[in-house]
N, C-alpha and C. Protein backbone atom coordinates (compact mmCIF):
# COMPACT_ATOMS: atom_id res chain seq x y z
N ASN A 1 -26.74 -47.70 51.79
CA ASN A 1 -26.80 -47.73 53.33
C ASN A 1 -26.74 -46.17 54.00
N ALA A 2 -26.59 -45.23 53.23
CA ALA A 2 -26.55 -43.91 53.67
C ALA A 2 -25.96 -43.42 54.84
N GLY A 3 -24.68 -43.90 54.78
CA GLY A 3 -23.41 -43.44 55.58
C GLY A 3 -23.42 -44.54 56.82
N MET A 4 -24.42 -45.69 56.68
CA MET A 4 -24.21 -46.78 58.04
C MET A 4 -23.41 -47.37 57.82
N PRO A 5 -22.91 -48.56 58.70
CA PRO A 5 -21.95 -49.46 58.31
C PRO A 5 -22.35 -50.46 57.26
N LEU A 6 -21.10 -51.06 56.59
CA LEU A 6 -21.55 -51.98 55.33
C LEU A 6 -22.60 -53.17 55.82
N PRO A 7 -23.64 -53.08 54.99
CA PRO A 7 -24.51 -54.24 55.30
C PRO A 7 -23.69 -55.70 55.06
N ILE A 8 -24.09 -56.74 55.81
CA ILE A 8 -23.52 -58.12 55.70
C ILE A 8 -24.44 -58.97 55.02
N LEU A 9 -23.99 -59.80 53.94
CA LEU A 9 -24.60 -60.75 53.24
C LEU A 9 -23.94 -62.36 53.88
N VAL A 10 -24.66 -63.22 54.31
CA VAL A 10 -24.29 -64.49 54.65
C VAL A 10 -25.24 -65.40 53.75
N ARG A 11 -23.90 -66.13 52.99
CA ARG A 11 -24.18 -67.27 51.78
C ARG A 11 -23.60 -68.35 52.25
N GLN A 12 -24.39 -69.36 52.45
CA GLN A 12 -23.64 -70.77 52.05
C GLN A 12 -22.40 -70.64 53.62
N GLY A 13 -22.69 -69.92 54.37
CA GLY A 13 -21.89 -70.25 55.65
C GLY A 13 -20.73 -69.10 55.56
N GLN A 14 -20.62 -68.43 54.62
CA GLN A 14 -19.83 -67.05 54.71
C GLN A 14 -20.15 -65.74 54.66
N ALA A 15 -19.65 -65.22 55.53
CA ALA A 15 -20.24 -63.92 55.77
C ALA A 15 -19.25 -62.89 54.99
N ARG A 16 -19.76 -61.91 54.27
CA ARG A 16 -19.09 -60.54 53.79
C ARG A 16 -19.68 -59.41 53.55
N PRO A 17 -19.10 -58.40 53.74
CA PRO A 17 -19.86 -56.80 53.68
C PRO A 17 -20.21 -56.72 52.23
N ILE A 18 -21.29 -56.06 52.09
CA ILE A 18 -21.55 -55.46 50.88
C ILE A 18 -20.88 -54.34 50.78
N ARG A 19 -20.29 -53.99 49.71
CA ARG A 19 -19.54 -52.66 49.54
C ARG A 19 -20.20 -51.42 48.70
N VAL A 20 -20.56 -50.79 49.60
CA VAL A 20 -21.34 -49.45 49.30
C VAL A 20 -20.50 -48.34 50.06
N GLU A 21 -21.05 -46.98 49.22
CA GLU A 21 -20.51 -45.70 49.99
C GLU A 21 -21.46 -44.69 49.95
N GLY A 22 -21.47 -43.66 50.76
CA GLY A 22 -22.02 -42.60 50.96
C GLY A 22 -22.09 -42.05 52.24
N VAL A 23 -22.46 -40.56 52.42
CA VAL A 23 -22.42 -39.97 53.68
C VAL A 23 -23.97 -40.18 54.59
N PRO A 24 -23.89 -40.11 55.49
CA PRO A 24 -25.14 -40.29 56.44
C PRO A 24 -26.10 -39.56 55.83
N LEU A 25 -27.47 -40.36 55.70
CA LEU A 25 -28.73 -39.69 55.29
C LEU A 25 -29.00 -38.26 56.04
N GLY A 26 -29.16 -37.13 55.27
CA GLY A 26 -29.72 -35.79 55.89
C GLY A 26 -28.31 -35.03 56.51
N LEU A 27 -27.21 -35.52 56.34
CA LEU A 27 -26.10 -34.65 56.64
C LEU A 27 -25.64 -33.36 55.75
N LEU A 28 -25.77 -33.86 54.74
CA LEU A 28 -25.61 -32.73 53.41
C LEU A 28 -26.60 -32.89 52.42
N ASP A 29 -26.96 -31.13 52.01
CA ASP A 29 -28.13 -30.99 50.93
C ASP A 29 -27.75 -31.71 49.76
N HIS A 30 -28.51 -32.03 48.91
CA HIS A 30 -28.13 -32.56 47.56
C HIS A 30 -27.15 -33.41 47.35
N THR A 31 -27.17 -34.51 48.09
CA THR A 31 -26.27 -35.66 47.95
C THR A 31 -26.98 -36.64 47.21
N GLY A 32 -26.03 -37.27 46.37
CA GLY A 32 -26.03 -38.23 45.69
C GLY A 32 -25.82 -39.44 46.38
N TYR A 33 -26.60 -40.53 46.16
CA TYR A 33 -26.44 -41.87 47.00
C TYR A 33 -26.21 -42.87 45.40
N GLN A 34 -25.27 -44.03 45.81
CA GLN A 34 -24.91 -45.03 45.00
C GLN A 34 -26.04 -46.02 45.32
N GLU A 35 -26.39 -46.46 44.04
CA GLU A 35 -27.45 -47.57 44.29
C GLU A 35 -26.79 -48.98 43.94
N THR A 36 -26.97 -49.73 44.80
CA THR A 36 -26.14 -51.20 44.58
C THR A 36 -27.18 -52.49 44.76
N ALA A 37 -27.25 -53.36 43.75
CA ALA A 37 -28.12 -54.33 43.40
C ALA A 37 -27.73 -55.50 43.91
N VAL A 38 -28.27 -56.23 44.92
CA VAL A 38 -27.58 -57.73 45.62
C VAL A 38 -28.83 -58.50 45.21
N ASN A 39 -28.39 -59.45 44.29
CA ASN A 39 -29.33 -60.67 44.26
C ASN A 39 -29.27 -61.59 45.58
N LEU A 40 -30.36 -61.76 45.94
CA LEU A 40 -30.73 -62.90 47.19
C LEU A 40 -30.94 -64.37 46.77
N GLU A 41 -30.48 -65.00 47.32
CA GLU A 41 -31.08 -66.38 46.84
C GLU A 41 -31.46 -66.86 48.21
N LYS A 42 -32.33 -68.17 47.90
CA LYS A 42 -32.77 -68.86 49.33
C LYS A 42 -31.50 -69.26 50.04
N GLY A 43 -31.91 -69.07 51.33
CA GLY A 43 -31.05 -69.29 52.49
C GLY A 43 -30.19 -68.22 53.10
N ASP A 44 -30.24 -67.08 52.12
CA ASP A 44 -29.31 -65.91 52.44
C ASP A 44 -29.90 -65.41 53.54
N VAL A 45 -29.01 -64.61 54.43
CA VAL A 45 -29.11 -63.66 55.31
C VAL A 45 -28.73 -62.26 55.09
N PHE A 46 -29.07 -61.34 54.97
CA PHE A 46 -29.02 -59.96 54.84
C PHE A 46 -29.11 -59.10 55.82
N ALA A 47 -28.16 -58.74 56.55
CA ALA A 47 -28.30 -57.50 57.56
C ALA A 47 -27.72 -56.21 57.66
N MET A 48 -28.38 -55.44 57.78
CA MET A 48 -28.44 -53.64 57.89
C MET A 48 -28.23 -53.38 59.04
N PHE A 49 -27.55 -52.47 59.90
CA PHE A 49 -27.51 -52.25 61.24
C PHE A 49 -26.94 -50.98 61.47
N SER A 50 -27.24 -49.95 62.39
CA SER A 50 -26.58 -48.82 62.92
C SER A 50 -25.15 -49.09 63.40
N ASP A 51 -24.52 -48.18 63.46
CA ASP A 51 -23.17 -48.23 64.13
C ASP A 51 -23.31 -48.27 65.72
N GLY A 52 -24.10 -48.02 66.13
CA GLY A 52 -24.36 -48.20 67.74
C GLY A 52 -24.57 -49.71 68.07
N LEU A 53 -24.57 -50.46 67.03
CA LEU A 53 -24.72 -51.67 67.31
C LEU A 53 -23.21 -52.31 67.38
N LEU A 54 -22.31 -52.18 66.42
CA LEU A 54 -21.11 -52.40 66.31
C LEU A 54 -20.27 -51.57 67.46
N GLU A 55 -20.62 -50.49 67.73
CA GLU A 55 -20.01 -49.69 68.75
C GLU A 55 -20.26 -50.35 70.42
N ALA A 56 -21.31 -51.30 70.70
CA ALA A 56 -21.74 -51.55 71.64
C ALA A 56 -20.54 -51.94 72.52
N ALA A 57 -20.32 -51.30 74.01
CA ALA A 57 -18.96 -51.89 74.42
C ALA A 57 -19.08 -52.65 76.04
N ASN A 58 -18.07 -53.39 76.11
CA ASN A 58 -18.22 -54.09 77.63
C ASN A 58 -17.48 -53.07 78.52
N PRO A 59 -17.53 -53.72 79.71
CA PRO A 59 -16.75 -52.66 81.03
C PRO A 59 -15.37 -52.59 80.51
N GLN A 60 -14.70 -52.83 79.67
CA GLN A 60 -13.16 -52.92 79.63
C GLN A 60 -13.27 -52.07 78.44
N GLN A 61 -14.33 -51.19 77.87
CA GLN A 61 -14.31 -50.37 76.63
C GLN A 61 -13.94 -50.98 75.24
N GLU A 62 -14.17 -52.36 75.28
CA GLU A 62 -13.76 -53.01 74.13
C GLU A 62 -14.96 -52.94 72.98
N GLU A 63 -15.20 -52.81 71.86
CA GLU A 63 -16.55 -52.58 70.86
C GLU A 63 -16.75 -53.82 70.50
N PHE A 64 -18.05 -54.26 70.49
CA PHE A 64 -18.69 -55.48 69.92
C PHE A 64 -18.13 -55.87 68.57
N GLY A 65 -18.28 -54.94 67.59
CA GLY A 65 -17.40 -54.76 66.52
C GLY A 65 -18.19 -55.68 65.18
N SER A 66 -17.74 -55.62 63.91
CA SER A 66 -18.25 -56.36 62.83
C SER A 66 -17.96 -58.09 63.14
N ARG A 67 -16.83 -58.35 63.26
CA ARG A 67 -16.36 -59.71 63.41
C ARG A 67 -17.21 -60.70 64.33
N ARG A 68 -17.35 -59.99 65.43
CA ARG A 68 -18.58 -60.88 66.40
C ARG A 68 -19.79 -60.80 65.59
N LEU A 69 -20.51 -59.66 65.11
CA LEU A 69 -21.52 -59.75 64.56
C LEU A 69 -21.86 -60.99 63.23
N GLU A 70 -20.91 -60.69 62.52
CA GLU A 70 -20.49 -61.85 61.60
C GLU A 70 -20.47 -63.19 61.69
N LYS A 71 -19.83 -63.42 62.93
CA LYS A 71 -19.90 -64.70 63.72
C LYS A 71 -21.37 -65.16 63.90
N ILE A 72 -21.89 -64.35 64.84
CA ILE A 72 -23.43 -64.86 65.34
C ILE A 72 -24.11 -64.56 63.85
N LEU A 73 -24.13 -64.07 62.90
CA LEU A 73 -25.14 -64.50 61.71
C LEU A 73 -24.88 -65.51 60.92
N ARG A 74 -23.66 -65.98 61.28
CA ARG A 74 -23.10 -67.21 60.46
C ARG A 74 -23.78 -68.24 60.99
N GLU A 75 -23.51 -68.27 62.58
CA GLU A 75 -23.76 -69.60 63.51
C GLU A 75 -25.52 -69.72 63.48
N HIS A 76 -26.26 -68.52 63.22
CA HIS A 76 -27.70 -68.51 63.14
C HIS A 76 -28.18 -68.56 61.84
N ALA A 77 -27.58 -68.70 60.44
CA ALA A 77 -28.00 -68.45 59.34
C ALA A 77 -29.05 -69.59 59.18
N GLU A 78 -29.12 -70.47 59.75
CA GLU A 78 -30.09 -71.45 59.29
C GLU A 78 -31.40 -71.37 59.79
N ARG A 79 -31.18 -70.14 60.97
CA ARG A 79 -32.68 -70.18 61.67
C ARG A 79 -33.45 -69.06 60.89
N PRO A 80 -34.90 -68.79 61.55
CA PRO A 80 -35.60 -67.93 61.05
C PRO A 80 -35.05 -66.46 61.20
N GLY A 81 -35.67 -65.37 60.61
CA GLY A 81 -35.15 -64.10 61.01
C GLY A 81 -35.18 -63.64 62.05
N GLU A 82 -36.44 -63.89 62.95
CA GLU A 82 -36.70 -63.51 64.37
C GLU A 82 -35.77 -64.19 65.11
N GLU A 83 -35.48 -65.33 65.33
CA GLU A 83 -34.17 -65.97 66.01
C GLU A 83 -32.83 -65.46 65.89
N ILE A 84 -32.50 -64.91 64.43
CA ILE A 84 -31.20 -64.57 64.25
C ILE A 84 -31.29 -63.09 64.91
N LEU A 85 -32.39 -62.20 64.81
CA LEU A 85 -32.35 -60.94 65.42
C LEU A 85 -32.20 -60.85 67.09
N GLU A 86 -33.07 -61.97 67.52
CA GLU A 86 -32.91 -62.18 68.93
C GLU A 86 -31.60 -62.63 69.24
N ALA A 87 -30.99 -63.70 68.70
CA ALA A 87 -29.67 -64.18 68.81
C ALA A 87 -28.49 -62.93 68.90
N VAL A 88 -28.71 -62.09 68.03
CA VAL A 88 -27.66 -60.96 67.86
C VAL A 88 -27.88 -60.17 69.21
N PHE A 89 -29.17 -59.72 69.59
CA PHE A 89 -29.21 -58.73 70.57
C PHE A 89 -28.94 -59.68 72.01
N THR A 90 -29.30 -60.80 71.98
CA THR A 90 -28.77 -61.59 73.21
C THR A 90 -27.61 -61.46 73.54
N GLU A 91 -26.44 -61.79 72.38
CA GLU A 91 -25.23 -61.67 72.68
C GLU A 91 -24.71 -60.40 73.03
N ILE A 92 -25.45 -59.39 72.26
CA ILE A 92 -24.70 -57.89 72.40
C ILE A 92 -24.92 -57.92 73.89
N SER A 93 -26.36 -58.15 74.74
CA SER A 93 -26.51 -57.87 76.00
C SER A 93 -25.37 -58.63 76.99
N ARG A 94 -24.99 -59.90 76.55
CA ARG A 94 -24.25 -60.68 77.29
C ARG A 94 -22.61 -59.90 77.19
N PHE A 95 -22.74 -59.33 76.07
CA PHE A 95 -21.21 -58.63 76.03
C PHE A 95 -21.13 -57.38 76.86
N GLU A 96 -22.42 -56.32 76.82
CA GLU A 96 -22.43 -55.41 77.62
C GLU A 96 -22.39 -55.59 79.21
N ARG A 97 -22.58 -56.71 79.32
CA ARG A 97 -22.78 -57.16 80.72
C ARG A 97 -23.37 -55.96 81.50
N GLY A 98 -24.70 -55.24 81.17
CA GLY A 98 -25.14 -54.00 82.16
C GLY A 98 -24.73 -52.73 81.70
N ARG A 99 -23.93 -52.59 81.09
CA ARG A 99 -22.96 -51.27 80.63
C ARG A 99 -24.41 -50.62 80.01
N PRO A 100 -24.21 -49.33 80.67
CA PRO A 100 -25.43 -48.39 79.52
C PRO A 100 -25.13 -48.25 78.32
N ARG A 101 -26.12 -48.31 77.28
CA ARG A 101 -25.83 -47.84 75.86
C ARG A 101 -25.64 -46.54 75.49
N ARG A 102 -24.74 -46.50 74.56
CA ARG A 102 -24.27 -45.03 74.23
C ARG A 102 -25.13 -44.56 72.74
N ASP A 103 -25.69 -45.84 72.28
CA ASP A 103 -25.95 -45.24 70.95
C ASP A 103 -27.26 -46.18 70.56
N ASP A 104 -28.07 -45.85 69.61
CA ASP A 104 -29.19 -46.60 69.16
C ASP A 104 -28.30 -48.02 68.68
N GLN A 105 -29.36 -49.09 68.75
CA GLN A 105 -28.90 -50.42 68.37
C GLN A 105 -30.08 -50.74 67.32
N THR A 106 -29.84 -50.59 66.08
CA THR A 106 -30.87 -50.95 65.20
C THR A 106 -30.41 -52.03 64.24
N LEU A 107 -31.47 -53.10 63.92
CA LEU A 107 -30.78 -54.11 63.22
C LEU A 107 -31.87 -54.42 62.23
N LEU A 108 -31.83 -54.69 61.01
CA LEU A 108 -32.80 -55.37 60.04
C LEU A 108 -32.19 -56.57 59.77
N VAL A 109 -32.86 -57.62 59.71
CA VAL A 109 -32.48 -58.93 59.08
C VAL A 109 -33.40 -59.24 58.22
N ILE A 110 -32.78 -59.54 57.01
CA ILE A 110 -33.78 -60.36 55.88
C ILE A 110 -33.36 -61.97 55.81
N LYS A 111 -34.16 -62.59 56.14
CA LYS A 111 -34.10 -64.24 55.77
C LYS A 111 -34.79 -64.71 54.59
N VAL A 112 -34.09 -65.13 53.31
CA VAL A 112 -34.62 -65.35 52.28
C VAL A 112 -35.20 -66.97 52.39
N GLN A 113 -36.26 -67.27 52.09
CA GLN A 113 -36.79 -68.47 52.40
C GLN A 113 -36.98 -69.19 51.13
């Protein structure tokens, strides 16, 4: 994950982070990175994302956080990947309530068919 937040795997209604470690890509020269294999199964949802997604803030300065993201991924896990992606960004926009973004919000969703 090259220093990004831990990816999330949703399987059979349960969300769990995939434990990987590493410094952000490009931060240090000659850095080694750990490889982690994840066997995906039919129906799994795998999400990788930037920290800006979790750090999205509402007007009260509360961050969106991983628990909210996990909840959305679980609730929409039966839908196609495009709809899961749309649901996440819709909820983040509602949460921010028009507040300007401080960072990029990048999300990759893999839905195994």
